[in-house]
Amino acid sequence: MPKVTRDMIIADILKLDKGTVPIFLNSGMHCLGCPSSSGESIEDACAIHGIDVDKLVKELNDYLESKG
């Protein structure tokens, strides 16, 4: 399974695994369906929404690794 990085586009991560949706939502990022998510990196979106990018990337990677 590929690792999530701060420069990855949100829509690409959602395509990797739809199970990542709750992680984004729980972090306060409710814009997953907006057009920006298809061209915006996690880092950019986190900056706009005041979310800790490192924490979110870790949570996403922990989830993906748990699926083995």
PDB file of N, CA and C in Angstrom:
ATOM      1  N   MET A   1       0.850  -1.184   0.000  1.00  0.00           N
ATOM      2  CA  MET A   1       0.000   0.000   0.000  1.00  0.00           C
ATOM      3  C   MET A   1       0.893   1.243   0.000  1.00  0.00           C
ATOM      4  N   PRO A   2       0.611   2.185  -0.881  1.00  0.00           N
ATOM      5  CA  PRO A   2       1.418   3.409  -0.909  1.00  0.00           C
ATOM      6  C   PRO A   2       1.238   4.228   0.369  1.00  0.00           C
ATOM      7  N   LYS A   3       2.266   4.986   0.698  1.00  0.00           N
ATOM      8  CA  LYS A   3       2.180   5.864   1.868  1.00  0.00           C
ATOM      9  C   LYS A   3       1.624   7.211   1.441  1.00  0.00           C
ATOM     10  N   VAL A   4       0.803   7.777   2.318  1.00  0.00           N
ATOM     11  CA  VAL A   4       0.264   9.113   2.104  1.00  0.00           C
ATOM     12  C   VAL A   4       1.348  10.123   2.454  1.00  0.00           C
ATOM     13  N   THR A   5       1.489  11.139   1.605  1.00  0.00           N
ATOM     14  CA  THR A   5       2.430  12.224   1.866  1.00  0.00           C
ATOM     15  C   THR A   5       1.672  13.545   1.826  1.00  0.00           C
ATOM     16  N   ARG A   6       2.284  14.566   2.393  1.00  0.00           N
ATOM     17  CA  ARG A   6       1.615  15.873   2.495  1.00  0.00           C
ATOM     18  C   ARG A   6       1.309  16.490   1.140  1.00  0.00           C
ATOM     19  N   ASP A   7       2.039  16.093   0.111  1.00  0.00           N
ATOM     20  CA  ASP A   7       1.830  16.703  -1.206  1.00  0.00           C
ATOM     21  C   ASP A   7       0.824  15.939  -2.070  1.00  0.00           C
ATOM     22  N   MET A   8       0.251  14.868  -1.526  1.00  0.00           N
ATOM     23  CA  MET A   8      -0.724  14.097  -2.303  1.00  0.00           C
ATOM     24  C   MET A   8      -2.048  14.851  -2.413  1.00  0.00           C
ATOM     25  N   ILE A   9      -2.713  14.634  -3.538  1.00  0.00           N
ATOM     26  CA  ILE A   9      -4.012  15.258  -3.786  1.00  0.00           C
ATOM     27  C   ILE A   9      -5.074  14.470  -3.018  1.00  0.00           C
ATOM     28  N   ILE A  10      -5.990  15.191  -2.387  1.00  0.00           N
ATOM     29  CA  ILE A  10      -7.018  14.552  -1.556  1.00  0.00           C
ATOM     30  C   ILE A  10      -7.799  13.515  -2.351  1.00  0.00           C
ATOM     31  N   ALA A  11      -8.235  13.859  -3.549  1.00  0.00           N
ATOM     32  CA  ALA A  11      -9.033  12.927  -4.355  1.00  0.00           C
ATOM     33  C   ALA A  11      -8.269  11.636  -4.636  1.00  0.00           C
ATOM     34  N   ASP A  12      -6.964  11.720  -4.804  1.00  0.00           N
ATOM     35  CA  ASP A  12      -6.155  10.515  -5.058  1.00  0.00           C
ATOM     36  C   ASP A  12      -6.144   9.594  -3.839  1.00  0.00           C
ATOM     37  N   ILE A  13      -6.125  10.174  -2.668  1.00  0.00           N
ATOM     38  CA  ILE A  13      -6.153   9.370  -1.443  1.00  0.00           C
ATOM     39  C   ILE A  13      -7.515   8.702  -1.292  1.00  0.00           C
ATOM     40  N   LEU A  14      -8.567   9.430  -1.601  1.00  0.00           N
ATOM     41  CA  LEU A  14      -9.913   8.855  -1.530  1.00  0.00           C
ATOM     42  C   LEU A  14     -10.065   7.704  -2.518  1.00  0.00           C
ATOM     43  N   LYS A  15      -9.420   7.816  -3.674  1.00  0.00           N
ATOM     44  CA  LYS A  15      -9.464   6.731  -4.660  1.00  0.00           C
ATOM     45  C   LYS A  15      -8.705   5.501  -4.168  1.00  0.00           C
ATOM     46  N   LEU A  16      -7.624   5.725  -3.414  1.00  0.00           N
ATOM     47  CA  LEU A  16      -6.849   4.605  -2.863  1.00  0.00           C
ATOM     48  C   LEU A  16      -7.706   3.752  -1.941  1.00  0.00           C
ATOM     49  N   ASP A  17      -8.469   4.433  -1.076  1.00  0.00           N
ATOM     50  CA  ASP A  17      -9.266   3.709  -0.085  1.00  0.00           C
ATOM     51  C   ASP A  17     -10.366   4.629   0.444  1.00  0.00           C
ATOM     52  N   LYS A  18     -11.612   4.263   0.175  1.00  0.00           N
ATOM     53  CA  LYS A  18     -12.750   5.072   0.641  1.00  0.00           C
ATOM     54  C   LYS A  18     -12.859   5.076   2.159  1.00  0.00           C
ATOM     55  N   GLY A  19     -12.182   4.134   2.809  1.00  0.00           N
ATOM     56  CA  GLY A  19     -12.175   4.095   4.268  1.00  0.00           C
ATOM     57  C   GLY A  19     -11.467   5.280   4.895  1.00  0.00           C
ATOM     58  N   THR A  20     -10.781   6.078   4.073  1.00  0.00           N
ATOM     59  CA  THR A  20     -10.108   7.268   4.591  1.00  0.00           C
ATOM     60  C   THR A  20     -11.092   8.420   4.827  1.00  0.00           C
ATOM     61  N   VAL A  21     -12.290   8.316   4.273  1.00  0.00           N
ATOM     62  CA  VAL A  21     -13.277   9.403   4.397  1.00  0.00           C
ATOM     63  C   VAL A  21     -13.515   9.799   5.853  1.00  0.00           C
ATOM     64  N   PRO A  22     -13.825   8.844   6.757  1.00  0.00           N
ATOM     65  CA  PRO A  22     -14.064   9.250   8.146  1.00  0.00           C
ATOM     66  C   PRO A  22     -12.871   9.946   8.802  1.00  0.00           C
ATOM     67  N   ILE A  23     -11.677   9.593   8.398  1.00  0.00           N
ATOM     68  CA  ILE A  23     -10.481  10.233   8.968  1.00  0.00           C
ATOM     69  C   ILE A  23     -10.460  11.704   8.571  1.00  0.00           C
ATOM     70  N   PHE A  24     -10.728  11.975   7.303  1.00  0.00           N
ATOM     71  CA  PHE A  24     -10.800  13.378   6.861  1.00  0.00           C
ATOM     72  C   PHE A  24     -11.918  14.118   7.596  1.00  0.00           C
ATOM     73  N   LEU A  25     -13.094  13.504   7.654  1.00  0.00           N
ATOM     74  CA  LEU A  25     -14.241  14.158   8.300  1.00  0.00           C
ATOM     75  C   LEU A  25     -13.980  14.416   9.777  1.00  0.00           C
ATOM     76  N   ASN A  26     -13.426  13.436  10.479  1.00  0.00           N
ATOM     77  CA  ASN A  26     -13.154  13.601  11.912  1.00  0.00           C
ATOM     78  C   ASN A  26     -12.097  14.654  12.188  1.00  0.00           C
ATOM     79  N   SER A  27     -11.254  14.920  11.209  1.00  0.00           N
ATOM     80  CA  SER A  27     -10.214  15.935  11.405  1.00  0.00           C
ATOM     81  C   SER A  27     -10.761  17.346  11.167  1.00  0.00           C
ATOM     82  N   GLY A  28     -11.984  17.433  10.653  1.00  0.00           N
ATOM     83  CA  GLY A  28     -12.595  18.731  10.396  1.00  0.00           C
ATOM     84  C   GLY A  28     -12.592  19.118   8.930  1.00  0.00           C
ATOM     85  N   MET A  29     -12.191  18.205   8.084  1.00  0.00           N
ATOM     86  CA  MET A  29     -12.140  18.474   6.652  1.00  0.00           C
ATOM     87  C   MET A  29     -13.394  17.878   6.000  1.00  0.00           C
ATOM     88  N   HIS A  30     -14.403  18.735   5.847  1.00  0.00           N
ATOM     89  CA  HIS A  30     -15.696  18.286   5.335  1.00  0.00           C
ATOM     90  C   HIS A  30     -15.897  18.616   3.861  1.00  0.00           C
ATOM     91  N   CYS A  31     -14.844  18.995   3.188  1.00  0.00           N
ATOM     92  CA  CYS A  31     -14.942  19.471   1.806  1.00  0.00           C
ATOM     93  C   CYS A  31     -14.551  18.399   0.789  1.00  0.00           C
ATOM     94  N   LEU A  32     -14.742  17.150   1.123  1.00  0.00           N
ATOM     95  CA  LEU A  32     -14.225  16.078   0.272  1.00  0.00           C
ATOM     96  C   LEU A  32     -14.881  16.034  -1.099  1.00  0.00           C
ATOM     97  N   GLY A  33     -16.090  16.529  -1.212  1.00  0.00           N
ATOM     98  CA  GLY A  33     -16.775  16.517  -2.501  1.00  0.00           C
ATOM     99  C   GLY A  33     -16.611  17.803  -3.292  1.00  0.00           C
ATOM    100  N   CYS A  34     -15.963  18.791  -2.717  1.00  0.00           N
ATOM    101  CA  CYS A  34     -15.841  20.067  -3.422  1.00  0.00           C
ATOM    102  C   CYS A  34     -14.774  19.964  -4.517  1.00  0.00           C
ATOM    103  N   PRO A  35     -14.891  20.797  -5.530  1.00  0.00           N
ATOM    104  CA  PRO A  35     -13.937  20.728  -6.639  1.00  0.00           C
ATOM    105  C   PRO A  35     -12.478  20.896  -6.214  1.00  0.00           C
ATOM    106  N   SER A  36     -12.234  21.625  -5.148  1.00  0.00           N
ATOM    107  CA  SER A  36     -10.850  21.833  -4.706  1.00  0.00           C
ATOM    108  C   SER A  36     -10.173  20.534  -4.318  1.00  0.00           C
ATOM    109  N   SER A  37     -10.950  19.569  -3.813  1.00  0.00           N
ATOM    110  CA  SER A  37     -10.330  18.330  -3.337  1.00  0.00           C
ATOM    111  C   SER A  37      -9.690  17.528  -4.465  1.00  0.00           C
ATOM    112  N   SER A  38     -10.100  17.809  -5.702  1.00  0.00           N
ATOM    113  CA  SER A  38      -9.510  17.063  -6.816  1.00  0.00           C
ATOM    114  C   SER A  38      -8.219  17.692  -7.311  1.00  0.00           C
ATOM    115  N   GLY A  39      -7.863  18.860  -6.780  1.00  0.00           N
ATOM    116  CA  GLY A  39      -6.624  19.490  -7.214  1.00  0.00           C
ATOM    117  C   GLY A  39      -5.797  20.041  -6.073  1.00  0.00           C
ATOM    118  N   GLU A  40      -6.258  19.812  -4.846  1.00  0.00           N
ATOM    119  CA  GLU A  40      -5.607  20.402  -3.688  1.00  0.00           C
ATOM    120  C   GLU A  40      -4.847  19.333  -2.901  1.00  0.00           C
ATOM    121  N   SER A  41      -3.638  19.666  -2.506  1.00  0.00           N
ATOM    122  CA  SER A  41      -2.858  18.721  -1.700  1.00  0.00           C
ATOM    123  C   SER A  41      -3.381  18.724  -0.266  1.00  0.00           C
ATOM    124  N   ILE A  42      -3.042  17.669   0.460  1.00  0.00           N
ATOM    125  CA  ILE A  42      -3.414  17.612   1.875  1.00  0.00           C
ATOM    126  C   ILE A  42      -2.821  18.813   2.610  1.00  0.00           C
ATOM    127  N   GLU A  43      -1.586  19.129   2.290  1.00  0.00           N
ATOM    128  CA  GLU A  43      -0.911  20.239   2.977  1.00  0.00           C
ATOM    129  C   GLU A  43      -1.647  21.560   2.749  1.00  0.00           C
ATOM    130  N   ASP A  44      -2.047  21.821   1.510  1.00  0.00           N
ATOM    131  CA  ASP A  44      -2.775  23.058   1.207  1.00  0.00           C
ATOM    132  C   ASP A  44      -4.119  23.098   1.922  1.00  0.00           C
ATOM    133  N   ALA A  45      -4.847  21.983   1.882  1.00  0.00           N
ATOM    134  CA  ALA A  45      -6.161  21.926   2.517  1.00  0.00           C
ATOM    135  C   ALA A  45      -6.043  22.095   4.026  1.00  0.00           C
ATOM    136  N   CYS A  46      -5.040  21.480   4.619  1.00  0.00           N
ATOM    137  CA  CYS A  46      -4.840  21.613   6.061  1.00  0.00           C
ATOM    138  C   CYS A  46      -4.523  23.055   6.440  1.00  0.00           C
ATOM    139  N   ALA A  47      -3.731  23.732   5.622  1.00  0.00           N
ATOM    140  CA  ALA A  47      -3.396  25.136   5.893  1.00  0.00           C
ATOM    141  C   ALA A  47      -4.653  25.995   5.861  1.00  0.00           C
ATOM    142  N   ILE A  48      -5.521  25.740   4.908  1.00  0.00           N
ATOM    143  CA  ILE A  48      -6.762  26.513   4.774  1.00  0.00           C
ATOM    144  C   ILE A  48      -7.700  26.250   5.950  1.00  0.00           C
ATOM    145  N   HIS A  49      -7.760  24.993   6.396  1.00  0.00           N
ATOM    146  CA  HIS A  49      -8.712  24.608   7.439  1.00  0.00           C
ATOM    147  C   HIS A  49      -8.126  24.623   8.849  1.00  0.00           C
ATOM    148  N   GLY A  50      -6.858  24.994   8.977  1.00  0.00           N
ATOM    149  CA  GLY A  50      -6.240  25.063  10.295  1.00  0.00           C
ATOM    150  C   GLY A  50      -6.057  23.698  10.943  1.00  0.00           C
ATOM    151  N   ILE A  51      -5.714  22.705  10.135  1.00  0.00           N
ATOM    152  CA  ILE A  51      -5.554  21.332  10.608  1.00  0.00           C
ATOM    153  C   ILE A  51      -4.068  20.980  10.590  1.00  0.00           C
ATOM    154  N   ASP A  52      -3.635  20.217  11.580  1.00  0.00           N
ATOM    155  CA  ASP A  52      -2.243  19.768  11.668  1.00  0.00           C
ATOM    156  C   ASP A  52      -1.989  18.709  10.593  1.00  0.00           C
ATOM    157  N   VAL A  53      -1.244  19.062   9.566  1.00  0.00           N
ATOM    158  CA  VAL A  53      -1.013  18.173   8.430  1.00  0.00           C
ATOM    159  C   VAL A  53      -0.275  16.907   8.834  1.00  0.00           C
ATOM    160  N   ASP A  54       0.714  17.033   9.719  1.00  0.00           N
ATOM    161  CA  ASP A  54       1.481  15.855  10.125  1.00  0.00           C
ATOM    162  C   ASP A  54       0.600  14.851  10.863  1.00  0.00           C
ATOM    163  N   LYS A  55      -0.286  15.347  11.709  1.00  0.00           N
ATOM    164  CA  LYS A  55      -1.200  14.468  12.447  1.00  0.00           C
ATOM    165  C   LYS A  55      -2.144  13.748  11.486  1.00  0.00           C
ATOM    166  N   LEU A  56      -2.693  14.487  10.529  1.00  0.00           N
ATOM    167  CA  LEU A  56      -3.622  13.885   9.566  1.00  0.00           C
ATOM    168  C   LEU A  56      -2.919  12.838   8.704  1.00  0.00           C
ATOM    169  N   VAL A  57      -1.736  13.149   8.207  1.00  0.00           N
ATOM    170  CA  VAL A  57      -0.981  12.194   7.381  1.00  0.00           C
ATOM    171  C   VAL A  57      -0.678  10.933   8.195  1.00  0.00           C
ATOM    172  N   LYS A  58      -0.304  11.097   9.465  1.00  0.00           N
ATOM    173  CA  LYS A  58      -0.029   9.933  10.321  1.00  0.00           C
ATOM    174  C   LYS A  58      -1.289   9.087  10.492  1.00  0.00           C
ATOM    175  N   GLU A  59      -2.417   9.720  10.742  1.00  0.00           N
ATOM    176  CA  GLU A  59      -3.668   8.971  10.925  1.00  0.00           C
ATOM    177  C   GLU A  59      -4.033   8.204   9.655  1.00  0.00           C
ATOM    178  N   LEU A  60      -3.868   8.840   8.510  1.00  0.00           N
ATOM    179  CA  LEU A  60      -4.171   8.172   7.241  1.00  0.00           C
ATOM    180  C   LEU A  60      -3.244   6.984   7.019  1.00  0.00           C
ATOM    181  N   ASN A  61      -1.947   7.171   7.257  1.00  0.00           N
ATOM    182  CA  ASN A  61      -0.988   6.079   7.072  1.00  0.00           C
ATOM    183  C   ASN A  61      -1.208   4.954   8.083  1.00  0.00           C
ATOM    184  N   ASP A  62      -1.533   5.308   9.326  1.00  0.00           N
ATOM    185  CA  ASP A  62      -1.829   4.276  10.325  1.00  0.00           C
ATOM    186  C   ASP A  62      -3.010   3.434   9.885  1.00  0.00           C
ATOM    187  N   TYR A  63      -4.044   4.100   9.372  1.00  0.00           N
ATOM    188  CA  TYR A  63      -5.226   3.366   8.878  1.00  0.00           C
ATOM    189  C   TYR A  63      -4.851   2.433   7.722  1.00  0.00           C
ATOM    190  N   LEU A  64      -4.130   2.952   6.747  1.00  0.00           N
ATOM    191  CA  LEU A  64      -3.769   2.144   5.578  1.00  0.00           C
ATOM    192  C   LEU A  64      -2.857   0.977   5.967  1.00  0.00           C
ATOM    193  N   GLU A  65      -1.932   1.215   6.882  1.00  0.00           N
ATOM    194  CA  GLU A  65      -1.034   0.137   7.326  1.00  0.00           C
ATOM    195  C   GLU A  65      -1.795  -0.933   8.099  1.00  0.00           C
ATOM    196  N   SER A  66      -2.839  -0.545   8.811  1.00  0.00           N
ATOM    197  CA  SER A  66      -3.610  -1.515   9.602  1.00  0.00           C
ATOM    198  C   SER A  66      -4.370  -2.486   8.693  1.00  0.00           C
ATOM    199  N   LYS A  67      -4.578  -2.099   7.455  1.00  0.00           N
ATOM    200  CA  LYS A  67      -5.270  -2.958   6.501  1.00  0.00           C
ATOM    201  C   LYS A  67      -4.330  -3.993   5.894  1.00  0.00           C
ATOM    202  N   GLY A  68      -3.010  -3.752   6.100  1.00  0.00           N
ATOM    203  CA  GLY A  68      -1.967  -4.670   5.694  1.00  0.00           C
ATOM    204  C   GLY A  68      -1.992  -5.051   4.295  1.00  0.00           C
TER     205      GLY A  68
END
